[in-house]
Amino acid sequence: MQETDPLYEYVRTVMLEVMAVLYANGQRQLHVGAMMRLIGVDEERAAMHDDDRIDIDESFAELANDVNIKHLLQSRIPDGATIH
């Protein structure tokens, strides 16, 4: 998959968003199998990575600043929307 591939960009963005939320809430590991399930990987393939983790350390904070991830942490819920 090439970096200009729309699917690559989508997966990259979703992973950065999830990692940003985890980091902002004090979690310092991303569960790879769970992340794969979030992006739609089938259960059998995702299960092969249930023991894998990605550390979210200070280098992630630097990366987040480089890609201006602050906008990813802002709510995408429209003003006036009711959440049930």
Protein backbone atom coordinates (compact mmCIF):
# COMPACT_ATOMS: atom_id res chain seq x y z
CA MET A 1 0.00 0.00 0.00
CA GLN A 2 1.41 3.37 -0.97
CA GLU A 3 1.23 6.49 1.15
CA THR A 4 -0.86 8.22 -1.52
CA ASP A 5 -3.49 5.49 -1.37
CA PRO A 6 -6.78 6.84 0.10
CA LEU A 7 -7.18 3.67 2.17
CA TYR A 8 -3.70 4.15 3.65
CA GLU A 9 -4.56 7.75 4.53
CA TYR A 10 -7.85 6.69 6.12
CA VAL A 11 -6.24 3.98 8.25
CA ARG A 12 -3.39 6.31 9.25
CA THR A 13 -5.83 9.04 10.27
CA VAL A 14 -8.04 6.67 12.28
CA MET A 15 -5.02 5.22 14.07
CA LEU A 16 -3.68 8.68 14.92
CA GLU A 17 -7.09 9.75 16.21
CA VAL A 18 -7.43 6.68 18.43
CA MET A 19 -3.87 7.04 19.68
CA ALA A 20 -4.46 10.74 20.41
CA VAL A 21 -7.55 9.93 22.48
CA LEU A 22 -5.67 7.22 24.36
CA TYR A 23 -2.69 9.51 24.97
CA ALA A 24 -4.90 12.41 26.12
CA ASN A 25 -6.53 10.05 28.63
CA GLY A 26 -3.29 8.69 30.06
CA GLN A 27 -3.23 5.39 28.21
CA ARG A 28 0.19 4.58 26.80
CA GLN A 29 -0.47 1.45 24.74
CA LEU A 30 -2.58 0.68 21.70
CA HIS A 31 -3.97 -2.85 21.48
CA VAL A 32 -3.23 -3.89 17.89
CA GLY A 33 -5.96 -6.53 17.58
CA ALA A 34 -8.59 -4.08 18.82
CA MET A 35 -7.36 -1.39 16.44
CA MET A 36 -7.58 -3.82 13.55
CA ARG A 37 -11.18 -4.61 14.47
CA LEU A 38 -12.01 -0.89 14.62
CA ILE A 39 -10.85 -0.41 11.05
CA GLY A 40 -12.76 -3.44 9.81
CA VAL A 41 -10.21 -6.26 9.70
CA ASP A 42 -11.87 -9.65 10.01
CA GLU A 43 -11.92 -11.35 13.40
CA GLU A 44 -9.63 -14.23 12.43
CA ARG A 45 -6.85 -11.95 11.20
CA ALA A 46 -7.25 -9.45 14.06
CA ALA A 47 -7.13 -12.25 16.64
CA MET A 48 -3.61 -13.11 15.44
CA HIS A 49 -2.51 -9.72 16.86
CA ASP A 50 -4.33 -9.76 20.19
CA ASP A 51 -1.04 -10.04 22.07
CA ASP A 52 0.57 -7.13 20.20
CA ARG A 53 0.78 -3.59 21.57
CA ILE A 54 2.10 -0.29 20.25
CA ASP A 55 3.64 1.97 22.89
CA ILE A 56 2.33 5.52 22.86
CA ASP A 57 5.21 7.44 24.38
CA GLU A 58 6.69 10.93 24.23
CA SER A 59 7.70 10.37 20.62
CA PHE A 60 3.98 10.14 19.81
CA ALA A 61 3.45 13.56 21.38
CA GLU A 62 6.16 14.92 19.09
CA LEU A 63 4.55 13.25 16.07
CA ALA A 64 1.16 14.62 17.09
CA ASN A 65 2.58 18.12 17.14
CA ASP A 66 4.20 17.59 13.74
CA VAL A 67 0.91 16.56 12.12
CA ASN A 68 -1.14 19.13 14.09
CA ILE A 69 -3.30 16.46 15.71
CA LYS A 70 -5.05 18.95 18.00
CA HIS A 71 -7.82 19.34 15.45
CA LEU A 72 -8.37 15.58 15.62
CA LEU A 73 -9.16 15.82 19.32
CA GLN A 74 -11.90 18.38 18.78
CA SER A 75 -15.40 17.01 18.85
CA ARG A 76 -16.97 16.25 15.48
CA ILE A 77 -20.43 16.38 16.98
CA PRO A 78 -22.40 19.23 15.41
CA ASP A 79 -23.59 22.04 17.68
CA GLY A 80 -27.10 21.39 18.91
CA ALA A 81 -26.92 17.62 18.37
CA THR A 82 -28.47 15.38 21.03
CA ILE A 83 -26.40 12.38 22.07
CA HIS A 84 -28.40 9.37 23.30
